[in-house]
Amino acid sequence: MSGLAAVDLGDWLAGMPMAGLEHSLVDQAGNHLLDTLGAMVAGQGERVAAVARAVHSAPGPVPLPGTDETREARDAAFANAVAAHSLEIDDTEGCDHSGAVVVPVLWSLNHGPDRQRLSRLLPALVAGYEVGRRVQLALGGYDEVNGRGWHSTATCGVFAAAAASAVMLALEAEQAAAALGIAASAAAGTWAFAADGAMTKQLHAGNAARAGLEAALLAAGGATGPLHVFEDVWGGFLRAYGGDPRAVGRLTAELGSTWHFRHSAIKPYAVCRSAHSAIDALTGILRDADVDASEVAEVRLHVSDFLRPMICPARPRDAAQARMSLPIAAALVLDGSGLMPHDFDAFDSKRVQDRLDQIVVVRDPAADAEPLVEVRARGRLHRRRGTRVRGGQEDPLTALEVRRKFARLAVPVIGADGAATLQRWVDSAVLACPRAASVSPRSTRSPS
């Protein structure tokens, strides 16, 4: 170890493809790759994705799946990242939304002039998720970063994109370290969009993907980046973004043996991850108490001060903002919805608004806890606080469930043949991935 986090991460990234991945990591990486492609295809029809394509329009060879358009690699990374994050159905609990940032970069590089990168693709994906998550943890974790007003998909995601690009481009250790240093200058994005549902949330994924890819390309071309970027120097990233520079060791602790990538989750619902435990609690109450939605008199959602601005917007103005709303998700559950992206198009319908009249948001002083759900039905009160989130590390979706979700998202847009082509590409990446000779069971469960 050099003592400089960027240098040590650069050394690790340079050797990542040769080390081989544990079989479970390869399988998980394949699931996240396929899941993000489904989100990317489905999201191309959203207005914010159309705006991204119109502005980032440099011609090139990289397809924008879900359209008949192609772009230059960096513009493709931006447009595809925005599309992947447009429907709030992309994966989570990484940097936070690692897939929307990392996969578009890998897609761009795999469709460039050198297409012999398939064996690097999943190692690059895991490296990107790993570095992005480690940066978030070094800043104090999800609650700390986002509580300061930073959107970690943007501020930590740019490092994820740079790391993934470094592996795909086969950068040498010094170049990979430089890429991380360069990427730090593009780490930006705040939660101001939560107040009015502005499009910057989706644009953040595009900014991070494009900037991370560009940082790696600049490093490959000979540009230098600050190697002390994570240390306690003037302008050091951790201090500048409100973290504790003494936590710099989290960036490299047990690197290559403890995998924070395992903490990443695949969403079963097109709603903000912070609402998922409450959705699971509500559906669990209805199921276990054998309560029909018609029998529900009231649902009370006890939500912390930290989460309320994030998942309880006052009056969502469109479906995109409705996907951030726990009350609307709860109303849709009572209406029989499966909470897929376009289910939220009905957010302002009379039937959903009538359901909203039954739902009350209560301030919960337990600021660190998941929301508590209370359902009053048939004169009885049922209470549950969800702790195991469906799709998360403790209760992951199966490979079959991921494939079914992918089909639901992709087939309506590109047809069964187009979806099968993407599925084969993912399967080829899984087969091409170098695998470790032995499997270590060691993993980590990190706070989110």
Protein backbone atom coordinates (compact mmCIF):
# COMPACT_ATOMS: atom_id res chain seq x y z
CA MET A 1 0.00 0.00 0.00
CA SER A 2 1.30 3.44 -0.95
CA GLY A 3 -0.56 5.37 1.73
CA LEU A 4 -2.52 7.33 -0.89
CA ALA A 5 -6.02 6.00 -1.48
CA ALA A 6 -6.21 6.98 -5.15
CA VAL A 7 -2.89 5.27 -5.88
CA ASP A 8 -3.91 2.08 -4.08
CA LEU A 9 -7.27 2.03 -5.84
CA GLY A 10 -5.47 2.57 -9.14
CA ASP A 11 -3.22 -0.42 -8.46
CA TRP A 12 -6.25 -2.55 -7.68
CA LEU A 13 -8.16 -1.42 -10.76
CA ALA A 14 -5.19 -2.18 -13.03
CA GLY A 15 -5.07 -5.76 -11.76
CA MET A 16 -8.82 -6.32 -11.49
CA PRO A 17 -9.46 -8.29 -14.72
CA MET A 18 -6.62 -10.73 -14.10
CA ALA A 19 -7.66 -11.64 -10.57
CA GLY A 20 -10.88 -13.39 -11.55
CA LEU A 21 -14.21 -13.04 -9.75
CA GLU A 22 -15.94 -15.40 -7.36
CA HIS A 23 -18.80 -17.25 -9.04
CA SER A 24 -21.42 -15.53 -6.88
CA LEU A 25 -20.05 -12.12 -7.86
CA VAL A 26 -20.19 -13.03 -11.54
CA ASP A 27 -23.81 -14.15 -11.20
CA GLN A 28 -24.78 -11.00 -9.33
CA ALA A 29 -22.97 -8.80 -11.84
CA GLY A 30 -24.82 -10.47 -14.70
CA ASN A 31 -28.14 -9.82 -12.97
CA HIS A 32 -27.34 -6.14 -12.43
CA LEU A 33 -26.18 -5.75 -16.03
CA LEU A 34 -29.39 -7.24 -17.42
CA ASP A 35 -31.58 -5.33 -14.98
CA THR A 36 -30.02 -1.99 -15.92
CA LEU A 37 -30.35 -2.69 -19.63
CA GLY A 38 -34.07 -3.25 -19.08
CA ALA A 39 -34.36 0.07 -17.27
CA MET A 40 -32.34 1.77 -20.02
CA VAL A 41 -34.56 0.46 -22.81
CA ALA A 42 -37.81 1.30 -21.01
CA GLY A 43 -36.62 4.76 -20.03
CA GLN A 44 -35.86 5.99 -23.55
CA GLY A 45 -39.50 6.97 -24.00
CA GLU A 46 -39.45 9.45 -21.12
CA ARG A 47 -39.32 13.19 -21.81
CA VAL A 48 -36.10 13.72 -19.88
CA ALA A 49 -34.42 10.99 -21.97
CA ALA A 50 -35.59 12.67 -25.17
CA VAL A 51 -34.13 15.97 -23.97
CA ALA A 52 -30.84 14.23 -23.16
CA ARG A 53 -30.67 12.69 -26.66
CA ALA A 54 -31.44 16.03 -28.32
CA VAL A 55 -28.66 17.86 -26.48
CA HIS A 56 -26.06 15.08 -26.44
CA SER A 57 -26.27 14.35 -30.13
CA ALA A 58 -22.72 13.86 -31.42
CA PRO A 59 -22.79 11.11 -34.09
CA GLY A 60 -21.00 7.86 -33.41
CA PRO A 61 -21.30 4.07 -33.38
CA VAL A 62 -22.86 3.45 -29.95
CA PRO A 63 -26.54 2.39 -30.01
CA LEU A 64 -29.15 3.90 -27.74
CA PRO A 65 -31.19 0.72 -27.11
CA GLY A 66 -34.88 1.38 -27.29
CA THR A 67 -34.38 3.84 -30.15
CA ASP A 68 -32.95 3.61 -33.66
CA GLU A 69 -30.31 6.24 -32.83
CA THR A 70 -26.55 6.03 -32.20
CA ARG A 71 -24.08 8.40 -30.58
CA GLU A 72 -20.44 9.11 -29.84
CA ALA A 73 -19.33 7.20 -26.74
CA ARG A 74 -19.53 10.02 -24.18
CA ASP A 75 -22.86 11.34 -25.46
CA ALA A 76 -24.21 7.78 -25.55
CA ALA A 77 -23.12 7.27 -21.94
CA PHE A 78 -24.98 10.43 -20.92
CA ALA A 79 -28.17 9.67 -22.85
CA ASN A 80 -28.32 6.02 -21.84
CA ALA A 81 -27.64 6.85 -18.18
CA VAL A 82 -30.49 9.35 -18.11
CA ALA A 83 -32.79 6.79 -19.70
CA ALA A 84 -31.74 4.10 -17.21
CA HIS A 85 -32.63 6.36 -14.27
CA SER A 86 -35.78 7.88 -15.80
CA LEU A 87 -38.33 5.41 -14.44
CA GLU A 88 -36.96 4.85 -10.90
CA ILE A 89 -36.75 1.11 -11.64
CA ASP A 90 -32.94 0.86 -11.87
CA ASP A 91 -30.84 -0.78 -9.17
CA THR A 92 -29.91 0.85 -5.88
CA GLU A 93 -27.90 0.65 -2.64
CA GLY A 94 -24.60 1.08 -4.44
CA CYS A 95 -23.30 4.60 -4.97
CA ASP A 96 -26.59 4.86 -4.78
CA HIS A 97 -27.88 4.08 -8.32
CA SER A 98 -24.71 2.42 -9.58
CA GLY A 99 -26.20 0.60 -12.56
CA ALA A 100 -27.52 3.74 -14.22
CA VAL A 101 -24.03 5.25 -13.98
CA VAL A 102 -21.79 2.25 -14.69
CA VAL A 103 -23.64 0.16 -17.29
CA PRO A 104 -24.02 2.96 -19.89
CA VAL A 105 -20.24 3.50 -19.73
CA LEU A 106 -19.56 -0.20 -20.27
CA TRP A 107 -22.07 -0.27 -23.12
CA SER A 108 -20.35 2.69 -24.80
CA LEU A 109 -16.87 1.21 -24.51
CA ASN A 110 -17.98 -2.22 -25.69
CA HIS A 111 -19.45 -0.67 -28.85
CA GLY A 112 -16.44 1.48 -29.73
CA PRO A 113 -13.64 0.71 -32.20
CA ASP A 114 -12.16 -1.97 -29.90
CA ARG A 115 -14.92 -4.48 -29.24
CA GLN A 116 -12.63 -7.14 -27.75
CA ARG A 117 -13.49 -6.07 -24.22
CA LEU A 118 -16.24 -8.52 -23.31
CA SER A 119 -14.04 -10.44 -20.85
CA ARG A 120 -13.42 -7.17 -19.00
CA LEU A 121 -17.04 -6.11 -18.83
CA LEU A 122 -18.19 -7.78 -15.61
CA PRO A 123 -14.90 -7.14 -13.77
CA ALA A 124 -15.31 -3.50 -14.78
CA LEU A 125 -18.90 -3.48 -13.55
CA VAL A 126 -17.95 -4.91 -10.17
CA ALA A 127 -15.01 -2.48 -9.90
CA GLY A 128 -17.26 0.47 -10.63
CA TYR A 129 -19.91 -0.53 -8.11
CA GLU A 130 -17.21 -1.30 -5.53
CA VAL A 131 -15.39 2.03 -5.83
CA GLY A 132 -18.59 4.08 -5.91
CA ARG A 133 -19.89 2.39 -2.77
CA ARG A 134 -16.56 2.76 -0.98
CA VAL A 135 -16.51 6.49 -1.72
CA GLN A 136 -20.01 6.79 -0.25
CA LEU A 137 -18.97 4.87 2.87
CA ALA A 138 -15.86 7.02 3.29
CA LEU A 139 -18.15 10.05 3.29
CA GLY A 140 -20.19 8.50 6.11
CA GLY A 141 -22.69 6.33 4.24
CA TYR A 142 -25.98 6.95 2.46
CA ASP A 143 -27.81 8.81 5.23
CA GLU A 144 -24.87 11.09 5.98
CA VAL A 145 -24.14 11.98 2.35
CA ASN A 146 -27.73 12.56 1.33
CA GLY A 147 -28.55 14.23 4.63
CA ARG A 148 -26.02 16.94 3.72
CA GLY A 149 -27.99 17.56 0.54
CA TRP A 150 -25.68 15.70 -1.85
CA HIS A 151 -27.21 13.23 -4.29
CA SER A 152 -24.74 10.38 -3.96
CA THR A 153 -25.61 8.93 -7.38
CA ALA A 154 -23.94 12.04 -8.76
CA THR A 155 -21.22 12.83 -6.23
CA CYS A 156 -20.06 9.24 -5.67
CA GLY A 157 -21.25 7.81 -8.97
CA VAL A 158 -18.67 9.71 -11.00
CA PHE A 159 -15.95 7.65 -9.29
CA ALA A 160 -17.87 4.47 -10.10
CA ALA A 161 -17.96 5.44 -13.77
CA ALA A 162 -14.28 6.37 -13.80
CA ALA A 163 -13.28 3.10 -12.12
CA ALA A 164 -15.36 0.98 -14.51
CA SER A 165 -13.92 2.88 -17.48
CA ALA A 166 -10.39 2.38 -16.21
CA VAL A 167 -10.85 -1.39 -16.16
CA MET A 168 -12.53 -1.48 -19.58
CA LEU A 169 -9.79 0.67 -21.10
CA ALA A 170 -7.05 -1.45 -19.46
CA LEU A 171 -5.47 1.63 -17.90
CA GLU A 172 -2.18 1.22 -16.10
CA ALA A 173 -2.17 1.81 -12.35
CA GLU A 174 -0.94 5.41 -12.59
CA GLN A 175 -3.53 6.22 -15.23
CA ALA A 176 -6.35 4.65 -13.20
CA ALA A 177 -5.33 6.70 -10.16
CA ALA A 178 -5.26 9.83 -12.31
CA ALA A 179 -8.75 9.05 -13.63
CA LEU A 180 -10.12 8.99 -10.07
CA GLY A 181 -8.39 12.29 -9.32
CA ILE A 182 -9.81 13.88 -12.46
CA ALA A 183 -13.28 12.51 -11.73
CA ALA A 184 -13.34 14.26 -8.36
CA SER A 185 -13.56 17.63 -10.10
CA ALA A 186 -16.86 16.57 -11.68
CA ALA A 187 -18.52 15.27 -8.49
CA ALA A 188 -21.65 17.40 -8.20
CA GLY A 189 -25.40 17.16 -7.70
CA THR A 190 -27.80 18.02 -4.87
CA TRP A 191 -31.25 16.97 -3.68
CA ALA A 192 -32.82 20.33 -4.58
CA PHE A 193 -34.95 18.47 -7.15
CA ALA A 194 -36.95 16.92 -4.30
CA ALA A 195 -38.76 20.21 -3.71
CA ASP A 196 -40.43 20.36 -7.12
CA GLY A 197 -39.63 17.16 -9.02
CA ALA A 198 -37.17 18.76 -11.43
CA MET A 199 -35.35 16.57 -13.97
CA THR A 200 -31.92 17.00 -12.41
CA LYS A 201 -32.27 13.72 -10.52
CA GLN A 202 -32.22 11.82 -13.81
CA LEU A 203 -29.64 14.14 -15.36
CA HIS A 204 -27.28 13.44 -12.45
CA ALA A 205 -26.83 9.87 -13.67
CA GLY A 206 -25.90 11.20 -17.12
CA ASN A 207 -23.46 13.73 -15.72
CA ALA A 208 -21.70 11.10 -13.60
CA ALA A 209 -21.49 8.53 -16.40
CA ARG A 210 -20.17 10.96 -19.00
CA ALA A 211 -17.73 12.69 -16.65
CA GLY A 212 -16.36 9.39 -15.30
CA LEU A 213 -15.81 8.05 -18.81
CA GLU A 214 -14.18 11.30 -19.87
CA ALA A 215 -11.90 11.26 -16.83
CA ALA A 216 -10.62 7.82 -17.81
CA LEU A 217 -10.16 8.87 -21.44
CA LEU A 218 -8.22 11.95 -20.35
CA ALA A 219 -6.03 9.83 -18.10
CA ALA A 220 -5.44 7.40 -20.97
CA GLY A 221 -4.36 10.36 -23.08
CA GLY A 222 -1.80 11.49 -20.52
CA ALA A 223 -3.72 13.91 -18.28
CA THR A 224 -2.79 13.84 -14.60
CA GLY A 225 -5.13 13.97 -11.65
CA PRO A 226 -4.47 14.89 -8.02
CA LEU A 227 -3.22 11.74 -6.29
CA HIS A 228 -3.90 13.21 -2.82
CA VAL A 229 -7.53 13.82 -3.78
CA PHE A 230 -8.94 11.70 -0.91
CA GLU A 231 -6.43 12.78 1.74
CA ASP A 232 -6.67 15.70 4.16
CA VAL A 233 -5.26 18.38 1.85
CA TRP A 234 -6.69 21.72 0.79
CA GLY A 235 -9.55 20.73 -1.53
CA GLY A 236 -9.41 17.07 -0.52
CA PHE A 237 -12.66 15.38 -1.56
CA LEU A 238 -13.74 13.96 1.81
CA ARG A 239 -13.40 17.22 3.74
CA ALA A 240 -14.80 19.36 0.92
CA TYR A 241 -17.96 17.25 0.76
CA GLY A 242 -18.56 17.28 4.49
CA GLY A 243 -16.92 13.99 5.42
CA ASP A 244 -14.15 13.12 7.84
CA PRO A 245 -10.74 12.75 6.15
CA ARG A 246 -9.79 10.26 8.87
CA ALA A 247 -12.24 7.85 7.20
CA VAL A 248 -10.04 7.63 4.10
CA GLY A 249 -9.09 4.07 5.07
CA ARG A 250 -12.61 2.90 4.19
CA LEU A 251 -11.72 3.38 0.54
CA THR A 252 -9.19 0.57 0.55
CA ALA A 253 -9.92 -1.54 3.65
CA GLU A 254 -9.88 -5.26 2.72
CA LEU A 255 -9.98 -4.31 -0.95
CA GLY A 256 -10.52 -7.41 -3.05
CA SER A 257 -11.64 -9.57 -0.12
CA THR A 258 -14.60 -7.66 1.31
CA TRP A 259 -17.07 -6.84 -1.47
CA HIS A 260 -19.40 -3.91 -0.87
CA PHE A 261 -20.86 -4.66 -4.30
CA ARG A 262 -22.85 -7.43 -2.60
CA HIS A 263 -24.89 -4.74 -0.86
CA SER A 264 -26.35 -3.56 -4.19
CA ALA A 265 -30.06 -4.25 -4.68
CA ILE A 266 -32.36 -4.84 -7.63
CA LYS A 267 -35.71 -3.10 -7.30
CA PRO A 268 -39.01 -4.94 -7.62
CA TYR A 269 -40.89 -1.58 -7.58
CA ALA A 270 -40.50 1.62 -9.58
CA VAL A 271 -40.35 3.83 -6.54
CA CYS A 272 -37.59 5.38 -4.43
CA ARG A 273 -35.73 2.65 -2.52
CA SER A 274 -36.36 4.45 0.77
CA ALA A 275 -40.05 3.67 0.34
CA HIS A 276 -39.59 -0.05 -0.30
CA SER A 277 -39.57 -1.29 3.28
CA ALA A 278 -42.89 0.45 3.92
CA ILE A 279 -44.36 -1.03 0.72
CA ASP A 280 -43.21 -4.48 1.80
CA ALA A 281 -44.71 -3.88 5.26
CA LEU A 282 -48.05 -2.78 3.79
CA THR A 283 -48.31 -5.70 1.37
CA GLY A 284 -47.22 -8.05 4.17
CA ILE A 285 -50.00 -6.80 6.46
CA LEU A 286 -52.64 -7.18 3.75
CA ARG A 287 -51.40 -10.69 2.98
CA ASP A 288 -50.80 -12.03 6.48
CA ALA A 289 -53.95 -10.54 8.01
CA ASP A 290 -55.99 -11.60 4.97
CA VAL A 291 -57.24 -8.04 4.58
CA ASP A 292 -58.84 -6.97 1.31
CA ALA A 293 -58.09 -3.43 0.20
CA SER A 294 -61.81 -2.65 0.29
CA GLU A 295 -61.75 -3.32 4.05
CA VAL A 296 -58.98 -0.79 4.80
CA ALA A 297 -60.23 2.23 6.69
CA GLU A 298 -56.90 4.01 7.14
CA VAL A 299 -53.18 3.59 6.51
CA ARG A 300 -50.78 5.58 8.68
CA LEU A 301 -47.18 5.93 7.47
CA HIS A 302 -44.74 6.93 10.22
CA VAL A 303 -41.82 8.53 8.36
CA SER A 304 -38.63 10.09 9.74
CA ASP A 305 -37.65 13.73 9.28
CA PHE A 306 -34.81 12.57 7.03
CA LEU A 307 -37.05 10.58 4.70
CA ARG A 308 -40.15 12.78 4.56
CA PRO A 309 -38.76 15.39 2.10
CA MET A 310 -37.43 12.53 -0.03
CA ILE A 311 -40.45 10.20 -0.25
CA CYS A 312 -43.42 12.34 0.73
CA PRO A 313 -43.61 15.19 -1.79
CA ALA A 314 -46.67 17.36 -1.11
CA ARG A 315 -48.30 17.33 -4.55
CA PRO A 316 -46.48 15.35 -7.24
CA ARG A 317 -46.91 17.14 -10.53
CA ASP A 318 -46.12 14.22 -12.83
CA ALA A 319 -45.50 10.48 -12.85
CA ALA A 320 -41.75 10.94 -12.33
CA GLN A 321 -42.29 12.79 -9.05
CA ALA A 322 -45.06 10.34 -8.12
CA ARG A 323 -42.47 7.54 -8.27
CA MET A 324 -40.72 9.28 -5.39
CA SER A 325 -43.92 9.28 -3.29
CA LEU A 326 -44.57 6.64 -0.64
CA PRO A 327 -48.20 7.76 -0.14
CA ILE A 328 -48.95 7.36 -3.84
CA ALA A 329 -47.19 3.99 -3.91
CA ALA A 330 -49.33 2.92 -0.94
CA ALA A 331 -52.48 4.14 -2.70
CA LEU A 332 -51.52 2.17 -5.79
CA VAL A 333 -50.94 -0.95 -3.69
CA LEU A 334 -54.47 -0.59 -2.31
CA ASP A 335 -55.63 -0.18 -5.90
CA GLY A 336 -54.04 -3.51 -6.83
CA SER A 337 -51.00 -2.16 -8.66
CA GLY A 338 -47.70 -4.02 -9.04
CA LEU A 339 -45.82 -0.68 -8.91
CA MET A 340 -44.15 -0.95 -12.30
CA PRO A 341 -43.13 2.33 -13.95
CA HIS A 342 -46.26 3.18 -15.90
CA ASP A 343 -48.58 2.23 -13.06
CA PHE A 344 -47.67 5.65 -11.70
CA ASP A 345 -49.21 7.35 -14.74
CA ALA A 346 -52.49 6.99 -12.83
CA PHE A 347 -51.17 9.00 -9.86
CA ASP A 348 -53.73 11.80 -10.38
CA SER A 349 -56.68 9.59 -11.31
CA LYS A 350 -59.80 9.78 -9.17
CA ARG A 351 -59.46 6.21 -7.93
CA VAL A 352 -55.89 6.78 -6.71
CA GLN A 353 -56.75 10.16 -5.22
CA ASP A 354 -59.66 8.55 -3.38
CA ARG A 355 -57.21 6.00 -1.94
CA LEU A 356 -54.91 8.84 -0.87
CA ASP A 357 -57.69 10.14 1.36
CA GLN A 358 -57.21 6.97 3.45
CA ILE A 359 -53.46 7.52 3.88
CA VAL A 360 -51.91 9.69 6.58
CA VAL A 361 -48.20 10.57 6.91
CA VAL A 362 -47.08 10.83 10.54
CA ARG A 363 -43.83 12.38 11.70
CA ASP A 364 -41.67 9.64 13.26
CA PRO A 365 -39.00 10.69 15.76
CA ALA A 366 -37.13 7.42 15.12
CA ALA A 367 -34.99 9.16 12.52
CA ASP A 368 -32.73 6.18 11.81
CA ALA A 369 -35.52 3.64 11.38
CA GLU A 370 -37.41 2.44 8.34
CA PRO A 371 -41.00 3.75 8.13
CA LEU A 372 -43.60 2.17 10.41
CA VAL A 373 -46.87 1.17 8.74
CA GLU A 374 -50.23 0.96 10.52
CA VAL A 375 -53.32 -0.40 8.82
CA ARG A 376 -56.78 -0.11 10.38
CA ALA A 377 -59.22 -2.62 8.95
CA ARG A 378 -62.27 -4.46 10.29
CA GLY A 379 -61.91 -2.57 13.55
CA ARG A 380 -58.38 -3.85 14.18
CA LEU A 381 -55.01 -2.11 14.01
CA HIS A 382 -52.11 -3.91 12.33
CA ARG A 383 -48.57 -2.53 12.73
CA ARG A 384 -45.33 -3.44 10.96
CA ARG A 385 -41.93 -1.85 10.38
CA GLY A 386 -40.18 -3.45 7.41
CA THR A 387 -36.54 -4.42 7.89
CA ARG A 388 -35.82 -6.93 5.13
CA VAL A 389 -36.25 -5.20 1.79
CA ARG A 390 -37.27 -7.37 -1.16
CA GLY A 391 -34.48 -7.27 -3.73
CA GLY A 392 -31.83 -6.31 -1.18
CA GLN A 393 -28.84 -8.25 0.09
CA GLU A 394 -30.86 -10.25 2.63
CA ASP A 395 -33.72 -11.06 0.25
CA PRO A 396 -32.44 -10.78 -3.34
CA LEU A 397 -34.47 -11.37 -6.46
CA THR A 398 -33.71 -14.67 -8.14
CA ALA A 399 -32.12 -14.79 -11.58
CA LEU A 400 -35.50 -15.87 -12.98
CA GLU A 401 -37.22 -12.90 -11.33
CA VAL A 402 -34.62 -10.55 -12.80
CA ARG A 403 -35.17 -12.01 -16.27
CA ARG A 404 -38.92 -11.66 -15.95
CA LYS A 405 -38.57 -8.05 -14.83
CA PHE A 406 -36.22 -7.37 -17.76
CA ALA A 407 -38.76 -8.83 -20.18
CA ARG A 408 -41.57 -6.71 -18.73
CA LEU A 409 -39.49 -3.60 -19.29
CA ALA A 410 -37.81 -4.38 -22.61
CA VAL A 411 -40.21 -6.46 -24.70
CA PRO A 412 -42.90 -3.74 -25.07
CA VAL A 413 -40.23 -1.40 -26.46
CA ILE A 414 -37.92 -3.57 -28.59
CA GLY A 415 -39.93 -6.75 -29.01
CA ALA A 416 -39.10 -10.29 -27.99
CA ASP A 417 -36.30 -10.62 -30.55
CA GLY A 418 -34.62 -7.40 -29.43
CA ALA A 419 -34.88 -8.43 -25.79
CA ALA A 420 -33.43 -11.85 -26.61
CA THR A 421 -30.47 -10.19 -28.34
CA LEU A 422 -29.67 -8.16 -25.22
CA GLN A 423 -30.11 -11.24 -23.05
CA ARG A 424 -27.59 -13.14 -25.20
CA TRP A 425 -25.12 -10.26 -24.91
CA VAL A 426 -25.36 -10.40 -21.13
CA ASP A 427 -25.03 -14.19 -21.15
CA SER A 428 -21.90 -13.85 -23.32
CA ALA A 429 -20.40 -11.38 -20.86
CA VAL A 430 -21.06 -13.81 -18.01
CA LEU A 431 -19.41 -16.66 -19.90
CA ALA A 432 -16.42 -14.50 -20.89
CA CYS A 433 -15.75 -13.28 -17.35
CA PRO A 434 -12.58 -14.66 -15.74
CA ARG A 435 -13.44 -16.57 -12.57
CA ALA A 436 -11.45 -17.08 -9.43
CA ALA A 437 -10.08 -20.57 -8.82
CA SER A 438 -11.55 -20.71 -5.32
CA VAL A 439 -14.58 -19.15 -3.71
CA SER A 440 -14.37 -17.14 -0.51
CA PRO A 441 -17.62 -16.75 1.42
CA ARG A 442 -16.52 -13.46 2.91
CA SER A 443 -18.78 -10.52 2.25
CA THR A 444 -20.02 -7.43 4.01
CA ARG A 445 -23.28 -5.86 4.99
CA SER A 446 -22.92 -2.11 5.01
CA PRO A 447 -25.27 0.54 6.32
CA SER A 448 -27.40 2.29 3.72
